[in-house]
Amino acid sequence: MHDAVIIGGGPGGYAAALYAHNYGLSVAMVEKDLVGGACLHRGCVPTKVWLETAEVFATVGAAGEFGVVAGPPGLDWSRARERKGAIVGRLHRGLGGLLRQRGVEVVAGVGRLDLPGGVRVATSEGERRLEGRAVIIATGSVPRSIPGYEIDGQRIVSSDHALEWTERPERVAIIGAGAIGCEFASFLSDLGSRVYLFEVLPQILPGMEPEAARVLHRELSARKVEVHAGTAVGPARLSGEGVTVPYDGGEAAVDVVLVAVGRSPVTAGIDLEGTRVELERGFVEVDSLTQQTAEPGVYAVGDIVAGTPQLAHAGFAEGIAAITHIATGRPAPVDYRAVPGIVYTRPEVAAVGLTEERAREAGYQVVTHSHGFQAAARAMIRGENRGLVKIVTEAGGPILGATIAGPAAGELIHEMVLAVGWEALPAEAAAFIHGHPTLAEVVGETLLSSAGRSLH
């Protein structure tokens, strides 16, 4: 009998498995593919490796601006792909070793609920039943598509397929300009592909601050990405020459279409039928304080949870919350206000808390302040003095949210994660000194403005 049996070895599942050692819990984790899940093998990590390759390529190409004499860079796609595989492999081996060190029993196979108190696993050696005081469902998500764009893995692909391209595609249409679509547009354009980016909503990065979305829109356009926001696409037409994507006002002839319109939860096939687990459009409803479903002793974490961000670090936090409740009976809820969202484009875009629009919709009397990177010495030195910091506060109250579009935004946002999470007043956060010359100075300047004491 285990204290917890986990179905799924992605971020939410393995975080729960690793965290359990803090309470001396016995854990078994079922994984049908590779421990680490989509994030490690087909998402967060390999995408960022490609983005880093693209950034190095772009940096070398601009070396002359810094007085460094270098010829035009070339790209060894195979070598870059090998590096991606090596990094993923090293992280995978490290995770496996850590799970063994923590005493987690990893069972290879397909798991499904077998209540009360169990998970039945179809393994290569036959069926096996794992018994547990609690069960955590962490089965993750898969890329979804839209009508007229049935994924074939060759000419119409998901991000899973795109990360394994054996050569750089010359012409790519990307359907969907959320984080995934924009990241692919960024690195492919940097590496020389002709990119068309389509988004049916009025702006790229829907849900982000419009000012930040405009920064990225301008930067992608400057790199000759043809951005079509507020544009619907018609069904793809396949031919021997490639794929034609019709859209309002024209059509794009490309070699491949990448569909990046979001991810669907994997909740079918795990025998939720006949249980008290409740679903909303395929997502699992949970008690936000504990991660427990309507079925006592059954928890859910990660991408399958209804109404929460599909982010690896949110999955980590949900896994910790579930294990804490299983071990202690006490809630340790995830503070979703302070979960950062990061888009690893060039430049990066990152946000935490409420945007101005969402804060107003929530009934707050809102005050906003923004500062650009244009005059920041460190940003100028790096040749990346584009973008802005925007901070949203309640009038006379705490910081509600922040967005950064610019160099190293994904790192800089964590100062604002603390400010939002601790409900800091602008004056409290502005009291801390920011080094000069740094990129973080722009955050400090914006905090000073928010506190009514602007410097520059």
Protein backbone atom coordinates (compact mmCIF):
# COMPACT_ATOMS: atom_id res chain seq x y z
CA MET A 1 0.00 0.00 0.00
CA HIS A 2 1.42 3.36 -1.07
CA ASP A 3 0.50 6.69 0.46
CA ALA A 4 -0.03 8.09 -3.05
CA VAL A 5 -0.23 6.66 -6.56
CA ILE A 6 0.33 9.19 -9.33
CA ILE A 7 -0.89 8.72 -12.90
CA GLY A 8 1.45 10.72 -15.13
CA GLY A 9 5.12 11.65 -14.85
CA GLY A 10 5.10 15.20 -16.22
CA PRO A 11 5.83 18.33 -14.15
CA GLY A 12 2.77 18.08 -11.90
CA GLY A 13 3.20 14.35 -11.36
CA TYR A 14 6.94 14.23 -10.77
CA ALA A 15 6.84 17.34 -8.57
CA ALA A 16 4.30 15.60 -6.36
CA ALA A 17 6.42 12.44 -6.32
CA LEU A 18 9.59 14.32 -5.38
CA TYR A 19 7.94 16.52 -2.77
CA ALA A 20 6.44 13.53 -0.97
CA HIS A 21 9.82 12.71 0.62
CA ASN A 22 9.42 15.80 2.84
CA TYR A 23 6.67 13.91 4.67
CA GLY A 24 8.11 10.42 4.41
CA LEU A 25 5.34 9.31 2.06
CA SER A 26 5.55 6.15 -0.06
CA VAL A 27 4.84 6.95 -3.72
CA ALA A 28 4.35 5.05 -6.97
CA MET A 29 4.24 6.96 -10.25
CA VAL A 30 2.83 5.54 -13.49
CA GLU A 31 4.16 6.89 -16.79
CA LYS A 32 3.26 5.55 -20.22
CA ASP A 33 6.01 7.39 -22.11
CA LEU A 34 9.04 9.23 -20.68
CA VAL A 35 9.32 10.68 -17.19
CA GLY A 36 9.43 14.46 -17.51
CA GLY A 37 6.38 14.66 -19.73
CA ALA A 38 5.70 17.02 -22.61
CA CYS A 39 7.48 19.94 -20.95
CA LEU A 40 10.85 18.21 -20.85
CA HIS A 41 10.65 16.22 -24.06
CA ARG A 42 8.29 18.10 -26.42
CA GLY A 43 7.66 21.54 -24.94
CA CYS A 44 9.27 23.98 -22.55
CA VAL A 45 12.84 22.70 -22.62
CA PRO A 46 13.48 21.79 -26.28
CA THR A 47 11.72 24.94 -27.46
CA LYS A 48 13.99 27.07 -25.30
CA VAL A 49 17.06 25.29 -26.67
CA TRP A 50 16.02 26.24 -30.20
CA LEU A 51 15.31 29.81 -29.06
CA GLU A 52 18.78 30.01 -27.54
CA THR A 53 20.33 28.77 -30.79
CA ALA A 54 18.41 31.46 -32.65
CA GLU A 55 19.52 34.15 -30.21
CA VAL A 56 23.18 33.18 -30.57
CA PHE A 57 22.74 33.17 -34.35
CA ALA A 58 21.21 36.66 -34.27
CA THR A 59 23.88 37.95 -31.87
CA VAL A 60 26.71 36.73 -34.10
CA GLY A 61 24.98 38.26 -37.11
CA ALA A 62 24.94 41.65 -35.35
CA ALA A 63 28.52 41.38 -34.04
CA GLY A 64 29.71 44.20 -36.29
CA GLU A 65 27.57 46.68 -34.32
CA PHE A 66 29.77 45.95 -31.29
CA GLY A 67 33.03 46.34 -33.19
CA VAL A 68 33.54 42.59 -33.43
CA VAL A 69 34.69 41.52 -36.87
CA ALA A 70 32.94 38.31 -37.93
CA GLY A 71 31.55 36.92 -41.12
CA PRO A 72 27.88 36.14 -41.65
CA PRO A 73 26.95 33.20 -39.38
CA GLY A 74 26.02 29.81 -40.79
CA LEU A 75 23.64 27.32 -39.24
CA ASP A 76 24.33 23.63 -38.71
CA TRP A 77 20.74 22.52 -38.10
CA SER A 78 21.76 18.92 -37.33
CA ARG A 79 24.27 20.04 -34.70
CA ALA A 80 21.71 22.34 -33.10
CA ARG A 81 19.19 19.49 -33.05
CA GLU A 82 21.77 17.18 -31.48
CA ARG A 83 22.45 19.76 -28.78
CA LYS A 84 18.74 19.98 -28.05
CA GLY A 85 18.58 16.19 -27.69
CA ALA A 86 21.67 16.11 -25.46
CA ILE A 87 20.26 18.71 -23.05
CA VAL A 88 16.89 16.96 -22.88
CA GLY A 89 18.64 13.62 -22.35
CA ARG A 90 20.81 14.95 -19.54
CA LEU A 91 17.81 16.44 -17.74
CA HIS A 92 15.83 13.22 -18.23
CA ARG A 93 18.61 11.11 -16.73
CA GLY A 94 18.99 13.53 -13.84
CA LEU A 95 15.27 13.42 -13.09
CA GLY A 96 15.26 9.61 -13.19
CA GLY A 97 18.17 9.49 -10.76
CA LEU A 98 16.49 11.92 -8.40
CA LEU A 99 13.27 9.89 -8.39
CA ARG A 100 15.26 6.75 -7.54
CA GLN A 101 17.11 8.61 -4.80
CA ARG A 102 13.81 9.71 -3.29
CA GLY A 103 12.48 6.15 -3.32
CA VAL A 104 9.73 6.75 -5.89
CA GLU A 105 8.58 3.54 -7.60
CA VAL A 106 8.24 4.40 -11.30
CA VAL A 107 5.97 2.00 -13.18
CA ALA A 108 6.07 2.03 -16.98
CA GLY A 109 2.58 1.57 -18.40
CA VAL A 110 -0.85 3.04 -18.90
CA GLY A 111 -2.70 3.75 -15.66
CA ARG A 112 -6.39 4.10 -15.01
CA LEU A 113 -8.46 4.54 -11.88
CA ASP A 114 -9.53 1.38 -10.08
CA LEU A 115 -11.43 2.70 -7.09
CA PRO A 116 -11.58 2.45 -4.22
CA GLY A 117 -7.94 3.07 -3.44
CA GLY A 118 -6.19 1.87 -6.53
CA VAL A 119 -4.77 2.30 -10.01
CA ARG A 120 -4.69 -0.49 -12.55
CA VAL A 121 -1.67 -0.40 -14.85
CA ALA A 122 -1.30 -2.06 -18.23
CA THR A 123 2.42 -2.83 -18.45
CA SER A 124 4.49 -4.71 -21.02
CA GLU A 125 4.39 -7.71 -18.68
CA GLY A 126 0.65 -7.66 -18.07
CA GLU A 127 -1.75 -5.87 -15.78
CA ARG A 128 -0.83 -4.76 -12.29
CA ARG A 129 -2.80 -3.07 -9.52
CA LEU A 130 -1.21 -0.38 -7.36
CA GLU A 131 -2.94 0.42 -4.09
CA GLY A 132 -2.78 3.85 -2.53
CA ARG A 133 -4.32 5.94 0.21
CA ALA A 134 -4.68 8.68 -2.40
CA VAL A 135 -4.47 8.95 -6.18
CA ILE A 136 -3.16 11.98 -8.07
CA ILE A 137 -4.16 12.34 -11.73
CA ALA A 138 -1.50 14.21 -13.70
CA THR A 139 -2.06 13.01 -17.25
CA GLY A 140 -1.22 16.33 -18.92
CA SER A 141 -2.30 17.66 -22.29
CA VAL A 142 -1.74 17.28 -26.03
CA PRO A 143 -1.74 19.83 -28.88
CA ARG A 144 -5.14 20.43 -30.42
CA SER A 145 -6.09 21.45 -33.92
CA ILE A 146 -8.88 23.24 -35.78
CA PRO A 147 -11.17 22.16 -38.63
CA GLY A 148 -9.41 22.20 -41.96
CA TYR A 149 -6.02 21.62 -40.35
CA GLU A 150 -5.93 17.92 -39.53
CA ILE A 151 -2.43 17.21 -38.26
CA ASP A 152 -0.50 14.71 -40.40
CA GLY A 153 2.95 15.23 -38.91
CA GLN A 154 4.43 16.27 -42.27
CA ARG A 155 2.80 19.29 -43.87
CA ILE A 156 0.39 20.18 -41.07
CA VAL A 157 2.14 19.71 -37.75
CA SER A 158 1.91 20.39 -34.04
CA SER A 159 4.73 21.75 -31.91
CA ASP A 160 5.62 18.12 -31.08
CA HIS A 161 6.53 17.49 -34.72
CA ALA A 162 8.14 20.89 -35.29
CA LEU A 163 10.70 20.30 -32.56
CA GLU A 164 11.97 17.27 -34.49
CA TRP A 165 12.31 18.87 -37.94
CA THR A 166 15.45 17.46 -39.55
CA GLU A 167 16.03 20.66 -41.51
CA ARG A 168 14.91 24.25 -41.37
CA PRO A 169 11.65 24.82 -43.26
CA GLU A 170 11.86 27.65 -45.76
CA ARG A 171 8.26 28.84 -45.48
CA VAL A 172 6.05 28.32 -42.43
CA ALA A 173 2.53 29.42 -41.54
CA ILE A 174 1.78 29.42 -37.83
CA ILE A 175 -1.87 29.31 -36.79
CA GLY A 176 -2.24 30.82 -33.33
CA ALA A 177 -0.14 33.64 -31.85
CA GLY A 178 -0.14 32.71 -28.20
CA ALA A 179 3.08 31.86 -26.39
CA ILE A 180 3.84 28.74 -28.46
CA GLY A 181 3.09 30.31 -31.82
CA CYS A 182 5.07 33.47 -31.07
CA GLU A 183 8.07 31.51 -29.79
CA PHE A 184 8.23 29.45 -32.99
CA ALA A 185 7.79 32.59 -35.09
CA SER A 186 10.65 34.23 -33.21
CA PHE A 187 13.24 31.49 -33.55
CA LEU A 188 12.31 30.46 -37.10
CA SER A 189 12.51 34.05 -38.35
CA ASP A 190 15.86 34.54 -36.61
CA LEU A 191 17.19 31.44 -38.35
CA GLY A 192 16.05 32.62 -41.78
CA SER A 193 12.63 31.06 -42.42
CA ARG A 194 9.80 33.01 -44.06
CA VAL A 195 7.08 33.09 -41.42
CA TYR A 196 3.37 33.95 -41.55
CA LEU A 197 1.75 34.30 -38.12
CA PHE A 198 -2.06 34.22 -37.84
CA GLU A 199 -4.21 35.07 -34.82
CA VAL A 200 -8.00 35.28 -34.92
CA LEU A 201 -8.14 37.61 -31.89
CA PRO A 202 -7.31 41.33 -32.24
CA GLN A 203 -3.75 41.08 -30.90
CA ILE A 204 -0.94 38.56 -30.69
CA LEU A 205 -0.38 37.20 -27.17
CA PRO A 206 -4.10 37.39 -26.34
CA GLY A 207 -4.69 38.25 -22.70
CA MET A 208 -1.38 40.09 -22.31
CA GLU A 209 -1.12 43.87 -21.93
CA PRO A 210 -1.73 45.40 -25.38
CA GLU A 211 1.39 47.59 -25.05
CA ALA A 212 3.56 44.51 -24.55
CA ALA A 213 1.90 42.68 -27.44
CA ARG A 214 2.62 45.70 -29.67
CA VAL A 215 6.31 45.59 -28.72
CA LEU A 216 6.60 41.98 -29.86
CA HIS A 217 4.42 42.59 -32.93
CA ARG A 218 6.77 45.38 -34.05
CA GLU A 219 9.89 43.32 -33.40
CA LEU A 220 8.61 40.30 -35.30
CA SER A 221 7.48 42.48 -38.19
CA ALA A 222 10.93 44.09 -38.31
CA ARG A 223 12.33 40.58 -38.81
CA LYS A 224 9.95 40.16 -41.76
CA VAL A 225 7.41 37.95 -40.00
CA GLU A 226 4.09 38.63 -41.72
CA VAL A 227 1.80 39.08 -38.72
CA HIS A 228 -1.96 38.85 -39.26
CA ALA A 229 -3.84 39.63 -36.04
CA GLY A 230 -7.63 39.68 -36.02
CA THR A 231 -7.53 37.34 -38.99
CA ALA A 232 -9.35 34.05 -39.52
CA VAL A 233 -7.94 31.38 -41.80
CA GLY A 234 -9.87 29.13 -44.15
CA PRO A 235 -9.26 25.38 -44.63
CA ALA A 236 -5.79 24.52 -45.86
CA ARG A 237 -5.27 23.42 -49.46
CA LEU A 238 -2.58 20.77 -49.93
CA SER A 239 -0.74 20.24 -53.17
CA GLY A 240 2.53 18.83 -54.47
CA GLU A 241 4.15 22.23 -53.98
CA GLY A 242 3.16 22.61 -50.34
CA VAL A 243 0.23 24.12 -48.46
CA THR A 244 -1.89 27.16 -49.21
CA VAL A 245 -3.45 28.97 -46.27
CA PRO A 246 -6.37 31.23 -47.30
CA TYR A 247 -7.17 34.12 -44.99
CA ASP A 248 -9.19 37.31 -44.96
CA GLY A 249 -7.55 39.37 -47.65
CA GLY A 250 -5.23 36.88 -49.28
CA GLU A 251 -3.46 33.54 -49.08
CA ALA A 252 -0.05 32.28 -47.98
CA ALA A 253 1.86 29.59 -49.88
CA VAL A 254 4.10 27.65 -47.48
CA ASP A 255 5.93 24.37 -47.10
CA VAL A 256 4.44 23.51 -43.71
CA VAL A 257 1.73 24.73 -41.33
CA LEU A 258 2.32 24.69 -37.59
CA VAL A 259 -0.94 24.61 -35.62
CA ALA A 260 -0.46 26.31 -32.24
CA VAL A 261 -4.00 26.92 -31.00
CA GLY A 262 -3.66 25.48 -27.52
CA ARG A 263 -3.64 22.13 -25.77
CA SER A 264 -6.40 19.68 -24.79
CA PRO A 265 -6.47 17.81 -21.47
CA VAL A 266 -5.78 14.07 -21.48
CA THR A 267 -8.65 12.78 -19.37
CA ALA A 268 -10.13 10.10 -21.63
CA GLY A 269 -9.19 6.48 -21.07
CA ILE A 270 -8.42 6.68 -17.36
CA ASP A 271 -11.84 5.43 -16.24
CA LEU A 272 -13.26 8.60 -14.76
CA GLU A 273 -16.70 7.36 -15.78
CA GLY A 274 -18.61 6.04 -12.82
CA THR A 275 -16.63 8.15 -10.35
CA ARG A 276 -17.60 11.44 -8.75
CA VAL A 277 -14.85 13.29 -10.60
CA GLU A 278 -16.42 16.26 -12.42
CA LEU A 279 -15.29 17.50 -15.81
CA GLU A 280 -15.66 20.85 -17.56
CA ARG A 281 -14.95 20.57 -21.30
CA GLY A 282 -12.63 17.68 -20.50
CA PHE A 283 -10.79 19.49 -17.69
CA VAL A 284 -11.00 18.19 -14.12
CA GLU A 285 -12.73 20.30 -11.48
CA VAL A 286 -10.85 20.46 -8.18
CA ASP A 287 -11.12 22.11 -4.78
CA SER A 288 -8.76 25.08 -5.23
CA LEU A 289 -7.58 24.77 -1.61
CA THR A 290 -6.45 21.15 -1.81
CA GLN A 291 -6.44 19.98 -5.48
CA GLN A 292 -8.88 17.24 -4.47
CA THR A 293 -11.65 16.29 -6.89
CA ALA A 294 -15.25 15.56 -5.94
CA GLU A 295 -14.11 11.94 -5.49
CA PRO A 296 -12.58 11.74 -1.99
CA GLY A 297 -8.94 10.74 -2.09
CA VAL A 298 -8.55 11.53 -5.80
CA TYR A 299 -6.58 14.65 -6.72
CA ALA A 300 -5.71 16.34 -10.01
CA VAL A 301 -2.77 18.56 -10.93
CA GLY A 302 -1.20 20.14 -14.01
CA ASP A 303 -2.65 20.81 -17.44
CA ILE A 304 -5.82 18.80 -16.81
CA VAL A 305 -7.08 21.10 -14.04
CA ALA A 306 -9.99 23.37 -15.03
CA GLY A 307 -9.46 27.12 -14.98
CA THR A 308 -5.75 27.22 -14.18
CA PRO A 309 -2.76 28.14 -16.36
CA GLN A 310 -1.20 25.32 -18.40
CA LEU A 311 2.30 26.06 -17.17
CA ALA A 312 4.89 23.62 -15.86
CA HIS A 313 5.60 25.73 -12.77
CA ALA A 314 1.88 25.92 -11.99
CA GLY A 315 1.88 22.12 -12.18
CA PHE A 316 4.81 22.00 -9.76
CA ALA A 317 2.89 24.15 -7.27
CA GLU A 318 -0.29 22.08 -7.64
CA GLY A 319 1.65 18.86 -7.04
CA ILE A 320 3.10 20.35 -3.85
CA ALA A 321 -0.39 21.44 -2.74
CA ALA A 322 -1.85 17.97 -3.31
CA ILE A 323 0.94 16.18 -1.44
CA THR A 324 0.73 18.64 1.45
CA HIS A 325 -2.98 17.93 1.85
CA ILE A 326 -2.49 14.17 1.56
CA ALA A 327 0.25 14.24 4.21
CA THR A 328 -1.16 16.73 6.68
CA GLY A 329 -4.85 17.18 5.94
CA ARG A 330 -4.19 20.92 5.76
CA PRO A 331 -4.71 23.07 2.67
CA ALA A 332 -1.73 24.76 1.03
CA PRO A 333 -3.42 26.42 -1.96
CA VAL A 334 -1.61 27.72 -4.99
CA ASP A 335 -1.62 31.52 -5.20
CA TYR A 336 -2.42 31.86 -8.89
CA ARG A 337 -2.19 35.67 -8.62
CA ALA A 338 1.56 35.27 -8.35
CA VAL A 339 2.18 32.68 -11.07
CA PRO A 340 4.36 34.28 -13.77
CA GLY A 341 3.72 33.73 -17.45
CA ILE A 342 6.75 34.02 -19.73
CA VAL A 343 7.02 34.12 -23.51
CA TYR A 344 10.62 33.38 -24.54
CA THR A 345 10.62 35.31 -27.79
CA ARG A 346 13.18 37.93 -28.82
CA PRO A 347 12.41 40.16 -26.97
CA GLU A 348 10.85 38.24 -24.10
CA VAL A 349 7.45 39.11 -22.66
CA ALA A 350 6.55 38.23 -19.07
CA ALA A 351 3.65 39.02 -16.78
CA VAL A 352 2.29 38.34 -13.32
CA GLY A 353 -0.97 39.25 -11.62
CA LEU A 354 -3.68 41.32 -13.25
CA THR A 355 -3.48 43.31 -16.45
CA GLU A 356 -5.00 46.77 -16.46
CA GLU A 357 -8.13 45.51 -18.22
CA ARG A 358 -8.64 42.57 -15.87
CA ALA A 359 -8.08 44.74 -12.82
CA ARG A 360 -10.77 47.17 -13.99
CA GLU A 361 -13.12 44.27 -14.75
CA ALA A 362 -12.55 43.03 -11.20
CA GLY A 363 -13.77 46.37 -9.87
CA TYR A 364 -10.48 47.93 -8.81
CA GLN A 365 -9.79 51.64 -9.12
CA VAL A 366 -6.65 51.28 -11.18
CA VAL A 367 -3.48 53.35 -11.55
CA THR A 368 -0.77 52.35 -14.07
CA HIS A 369 2.78 53.49 -14.70
CA SER A 370 5.17 52.49 -17.48
CA HIS A 371 8.83 53.03 -18.32
CA GLY A 372 10.68 52.06 -21.48
CA PHE A 373 14.08 50.45 -21.95
CA GLN A 374 15.07 53.05 -24.55
CA ALA A 375 17.23 55.18 -22.20
CA ALA A 376 18.40 52.37 -19.92
CA ALA A 377 22.21 52.27 -20.08
CA ARG A 378 22.52 48.49 -19.70
CA ALA A 379 19.89 47.87 -22.38
CA MET A 380 21.72 50.26 -24.75
CA ILE A 381 25.02 48.50 -24.04
CA ARG A 382 23.42 45.19 -24.94
CA GLY A 383 21.85 46.67 -28.06
CA GLU A 384 18.40 45.69 -26.79
CA ASN A 385 16.87 48.96 -25.62
CA ARG A 386 13.36 48.24 -26.85
CA GLY A 387 10.34 47.40 -24.75
CA LEU A 388 8.75 48.52 -21.51
CA VAL A 389 7.77 47.76 -17.93
CA LYS A 390 4.16 48.38 -16.91
CA ILE A 391 2.91 48.14 -13.33
CA VAL A 392 -0.77 48.05 -12.35
CA THR A 393 -1.73 49.17 -8.84
CA GLU A 394 -4.90 49.76 -6.91
CA ALA A 395 -5.37 53.46 -6.18
CA GLY A 396 -4.03 53.89 -2.66
CA GLY A 397 -3.44 50.14 -2.46
CA PRO A 398 -1.06 47.35 -3.40
CA ILE A 399 0.55 46.28 -6.65
CA LEU A 400 -1.92 44.15 -8.61
CA GLY A 401 0.15 43.11 -11.60
CA ALA A 402 3.10 43.81 -13.85
CA THR A 403 4.18 43.14 -17.42
CA ILE A 404 7.66 43.37 -18.92
CA ALA A 405 8.44 43.29 -22.62
CA GLY A 406 12.14 43.52 -23.27
CA PRO A 407 15.54 41.93 -22.65
CA ALA A 408 15.58 39.23 -19.94
CA ALA A 409 11.92 39.89 -19.10
CA GLY A 410 11.56 36.27 -17.94
CA GLU A 411 14.16 36.85 -15.25
CA LEU A 412 13.16 40.40 -14.30
CA ILE A 413 9.52 39.46 -13.69
CA HIS A 414 10.36 37.54 -10.53
CA GLU A 415 10.89 40.73 -8.55
CA MET A 416 7.30 41.58 -9.39
CA VAL A 417 6.15 38.05 -8.52
CA LEU A 418 7.25 38.78 -4.97
CA ALA A 419 5.62 42.21 -4.99
CA VAL A 420 2.28 40.85 -6.23
CA GLY A 421 2.40 37.76 -4.00
CA TRP A 422 3.12 39.83 -0.89
CA GLU A 423 0.58 42.51 -1.88
CA ALA A 424 3.33 45.11 -1.56
CA LEU A 425 2.50 48.79 -1.69
CA PRO A 426 4.39 50.62 -4.46
CA ALA A 427 6.30 52.67 -1.88
CA GLU A 428 7.43 49.50 -0.09
CA ALA A 429 8.73 47.88 -3.27
CA ALA A 430 10.28 51.15 -4.51
CA ALA A 431 12.34 51.50 -1.33
CA PHE A 432 14.80 48.84 -2.50
CA ILE A 433 17.81 50.01 -4.52
CA HIS A 434 18.42 48.68 -8.01
CA GLY A 435 21.98 48.44 -9.28
CA HIS A 436 23.31 50.71 -12.03
CA PRO A 437 23.69 49.99 -14.87
CA THR A 438 21.27 47.06 -14.96
CA LEU A 439 18.13 46.06 -16.82
CA ALA A 440 16.37 45.84 -13.45
CA GLU A 441 16.70 49.62 -13.11
CA VAL A 442 13.73 49.97 -15.44
CA VAL A 443 11.64 47.98 -12.97
CA GLY A 444 12.95 50.20 -10.17
CA GLU A 445 12.11 53.37 -12.12
CA THR A 446 8.57 52.13 -12.74
CA LEU A 447 8.15 51.31 -9.04
CA LEU A 448 9.33 54.80 -8.11
CA SER A 449 6.76 56.29 -10.49
CA SER A 450 4.07 54.04 -9.02
CA ALA A 451 5.01 55.36 -5.59
CA GLY A 452 4.66 58.96 -6.83
CA ARG A 453 8.40 59.66 -6.69
CA SER A 454 9.65 59.43 -10.28
CA LEU A 455 13.40 59.86 -10.71
CA HIS A 456 14.21 60.30 -14.40
